[in-house]
Protein backbone atom coordinates (compact mmCIF):
# COMPACT_ATOMS: atom_id res chain seq x y z
CA MET A 1 -21.44 3.68 12.53
CA THR A 2 -18.75 1.86 14.07
CA SER A 3 -15.49 2.32 12.29
CA PRO A 4 -13.86 -0.93 10.82
CA PHE A 5 -10.36 0.53 11.93
CA PRO A 6 -7.98 -0.83 12.91
CA LEU A 7 -7.97 -3.76 10.76
CA THR A 8 -6.19 -6.74 12.70
CA THR A 9 -4.26 -9.84 11.19
CA GLU A 10 -2.29 -12.33 13.15
CA ARG A 11 0.57 -10.20 13.36
CA LEU A 12 -0.22 -6.84 12.31
CA ILE A 13 -2.53 -3.68 13.06
CA LEU A 14 -3.69 -1.68 10.08
CA ARG A 15 -4.54 1.54 11.28
CA PRO A 16 -4.87 5.47 10.45
CA PHE A 17 -1.44 7.37 10.48
CA THR A 18 -1.12 10.01 13.11
CA LEU A 19 1.56 12.90 13.33
CA ASP A 20 3.50 10.86 15.85
CA ASP A 21 4.28 8.40 12.83
CA ALA A 22 5.99 11.15 11.23
CA PRO A 23 9.49 10.35 12.52
CA ASP A 24 9.27 6.85 11.65
CA VAL A 25 7.90 7.45 8.05
CA GLN A 26 10.57 9.70 7.45
CA ARG A 27 13.17 7.19 8.75
CA LEU A 28 11.63 4.13 7.06
CA ALA A 29 10.30 5.52 3.86
CA GLY A 30 13.39 7.79 3.48
CA ALA A 31 15.72 4.50 2.88
CA PHE A 32 17.12 4.77 -0.46
CA ALA A 33 16.01 1.32 -1.18
CA ILE A 34 12.25 1.92 -0.49
CA ALA A 35 12.45 5.32 -2.69
CA ASP A 36 14.51 3.32 -5.23
CA THR A 37 11.89 0.54 -5.82
CA THR A 38 8.62 2.41 -5.38
CA ARG A 39 6.81 4.66 -8.09
CA VAL A 40 6.30 7.59 -5.58
CA VAL A 41 8.12 7.84 -2.32
CA PRO A 42 10.93 10.59 -2.90
CA HIS A 43 14.45 10.54 -1.87
CA PRO A 44 15.83 12.04 0.15
CA TYR A 45 12.72 12.13 2.54
CA LEU A 46 13.22 15.96 3.79
CA ASP A 47 12.11 17.00 7.14
CA GLY A 48 8.31 17.80 7.11
CA MET A 49 7.39 15.50 4.16
CA ALA A 50 6.15 12.82 6.56
CA GLU A 51 3.75 15.48 8.45
CA ALA A 52 2.70 16.86 5.13
CA TRP A 53 1.96 13.59 3.63
CA ILE A 54 0.03 12.51 6.69
CA SER A 55 -2.14 15.70 6.97
CA THR A 56 -3.45 14.84 3.43
CA HIS A 57 -4.99 11.59 4.77
CA GLU A 58 -8.73 11.11 4.75
CA ASN A 59 -10.24 9.58 7.93
CA PRO A 60 -10.42 6.08 6.69
CA ALA A 61 -14.01 5.37 8.05
CA GLU A 62 -15.24 8.25 5.96
CA ALA A 63 -12.71 7.80 3.25
CA THR A 64 -14.39 7.97 -0.44
CA LEU A 65 -11.29 8.31 -2.68
CA GLN A 66 -8.48 6.90 -0.75
CA ILE A 67 -7.64 4.82 2.46
CA GLN A 68 -3.88 5.29 3.75
CA LEU A 69 -3.16 3.05 6.42
CA ALA A 70 -0.02 2.40 8.74
CA ILE A 71 1.21 -1.19 9.15
CA GLN A 72 2.09 -1.63 12.70
CA GLU A 73 3.56 -4.97 14.18
CA ALA A 74 0.84 -6.18 16.98
CA VAL A 75 3.31 -7.32 19.45
CA SER A 76 6.14 -4.57 19.40
CA GLY A 77 3.91 -1.67 18.46
CA LYS A 78 6.28 -0.53 15.75
CA LEU A 79 5.67 1.04 12.65
CA ALA A 80 6.51 -1.46 9.61
CA GLY A 81 5.29 0.49 6.61
CA ALA A 82 2.24 1.75 4.77
CA ILE A 83 -0.67 0.41 2.65
CA SER A 84 -3.16 2.00 0.96
CA LEU A 85 -6.32 2.14 -1.32
CA VAL A 86 -6.32 4.79 -3.80
CA GLU A 87 -8.65 6.03 -6.73
CA ILE A 88 -11.27 4.36 -5.06
CA SER A 89 -14.38 4.53 -7.50
CA GLN A 90 -17.77 3.66 -6.54
CA GLN A 91 -19.16 3.98 -9.83
CA ASP A 92 -16.47 1.64 -11.58
CA SER A 93 -16.34 -0.53 -8.25
CA ARG A 94 -12.57 -0.46 -8.23
CA ALA A 95 -9.45 1.07 -6.48
CA GLU A 96 -5.72 0.74 -6.84
CA MET A 97 -3.61 -0.74 -4.04
CA GLY A 98 -0.07 0.56 -2.98
CA TYR A 99 2.31 -0.39 -0.14
CA TRP A 100 5.65 -0.04 1.14
CA ILE A 101 7.67 -1.96 4.09
CA GLY A 102 10.60 -0.63 5.81
CA GLN A 103 13.76 -2.71 5.46
CA PRO A 104 13.90 -3.67 9.07
CA PHE A 105 10.60 -5.57 8.50
CA SER A 106 11.14 -6.84 5.20
CA GLY A 107 11.08 -10.75 4.47
CA GLN A 108 8.77 -11.44 6.94
CA GLY A 109 5.68 -11.72 5.02
CA TYR A 110 4.09 -8.50 6.51
CA CYS A 111 3.48 -6.74 2.98
CA THR A 112 1.42 -9.89 1.94
CA GLU A 113 -0.54 -10.18 5.11
CA ALA A 114 -1.44 -6.67 5.29
CA ALA A 115 -2.33 -6.59 1.63
CA GLN A 116 -4.62 -9.65 2.05
CA ALA A 117 -6.55 -7.75 4.88
CA LEU A 118 -7.18 -4.73 2.96
CA LEU A 119 -7.92 -6.74 -0.03
CA ASP A 120 -10.64 -8.47 2.00
CA TYR A 121 -11.87 -5.17 3.28
CA ALA A 122 -12.11 -3.74 -0.16
CA PHE A 123 -14.14 -6.61 -1.46
CA GLN A 124 -16.42 -6.87 1.70
CA ALA A 125 -16.60 -3.59 3.38
CA LEU A 126 -16.37 -1.50 0.42
CA ASP A 127 -18.27 -4.13 -2.12
CA LEU A 128 -15.41 -3.50 -4.72
CA ASN A 129 -15.32 -5.70 -7.95
CA ARG A 130 -11.80 -5.20 -8.77
CA VAL A 131 -8.57 -4.21 -7.14
CA CYS A 132 -5.31 -3.57 -9.20
CA ALA A 133 -1.73 -2.64 -8.33
CA ARG A 134 1.17 -1.37 -10.05
CA TYR A 135 4.79 -2.00 -9.69
CA LEU A 136 8.14 -1.25 -11.10
CA LYS A 137 9.04 -4.30 -13.41
CA ARG A 138 12.73 -4.34 -11.83
CA ASN A 139 11.09 -4.97 -8.21
CA PRO A 140 9.90 -8.73 -8.61
CA ALA A 141 9.51 -8.88 -4.83
CA SER A 142 6.62 -6.58 -5.05
CA GLY A 143 5.20 -8.88 -8.08
CA ARG A 144 5.59 -11.72 -5.79
CA VAL A 145 3.18 -10.26 -3.21
CA LEU A 146 0.66 -9.65 -5.60
CA GLU A 147 0.90 -13.26 -7.18
CA LYS A 148 0.40 -14.70 -3.55
CA LEU A 149 -2.92 -12.61 -3.11
CA GLY A 150 -4.17 -14.08 -6.47
CA MET A 151 -3.68 -11.01 -8.70
CA ARG A 152 -2.96 -11.81 -12.30
CA GLU A 153 -0.43 -9.75 -14.29
CA GLU A 154 -2.41 -7.79 -16.93
CA GLY A 155 0.45 -6.01 -18.81
CA CYS A 156 3.40 -3.97 -19.09
CA LEU A 157 3.44 -0.08 -19.51
CA ARG A 158 6.70 0.31 -21.12
CA GLN A 159 8.52 3.40 -19.89
CA HIS A 160 5.72 4.77 -18.25
CA ASN A 161 7.09 6.45 -15.24
CA LYS A 162 10.01 8.36 -15.07
CA LYS A 163 11.91 7.73 -11.94
CA TRP A 164 14.81 10.19 -11.49
CA ASP A 165 16.50 10.18 -14.82
CA ASP A 166 15.43 6.87 -15.96
CA PHE A 167 12.18 5.78 -17.61
CA GLU A 168 10.75 2.92 -15.91
CA ASP A 169 8.23 -0.19 -17.06
CA ILE A 170 5.47 -0.58 -14.98
CA VAL A 171 3.68 -4.09 -14.55
CA ILE A 172 -0.03 -3.80 -13.74
CA CYS A 173 -1.86 -6.58 -12.01
CA GLY A 174 -5.51 -7.14 -10.88
CA ILE A 175 -7.73 -9.22 -9.24
CA LEU A 176 -11.59 -9.56 -9.47
CA ARG A 177 -13.87 -10.13 -6.33
CA SER A 178 -14.97 -13.45 -8.03
CA GLU A 179 -11.07 -14.67 -7.92
CA ALA A 180 -10.36 -13.58 -4.52
CA ARG A 181 -10.35 -15.95 -1.38
CA ILE A 182 -12.65 -14.22 0.81
């Protein structure tokens, strides 16, 4: 079977991470603004953390529980961020999407473009029925990405995550295959 990866869009390549990406992951994800507005990215992002994270990734062509992909600019070849499907459940026909975009690449629509490609993959290639995503309530830019995908806000988990010393409200959104633009 031929691997469907990389996935390509008009401006992006979604591909498996390699250990060569580690310095860029550390630099981009290590920015305080990224860690501050995501649920799971640490700060500071210490030496070795990117290599350790990349080493946990399954081969996306064979993945059963999670798919972690690098978001790369097609023209420049620069790493712009990361996108994933986690908690993939064939039994329940669902997964959760997560992402981050490095500050030098924000505001260019890359996150929405990458998320649409991965959402299409989830519904077409993986034959999932539902994809959800969660974001910190104080990060409305992430909510706008999900809205552009057609996801609906399904609720707010009050003080659901502790980010450093503060409890954070988490907004959950979801979309069904029957609602998607595929």
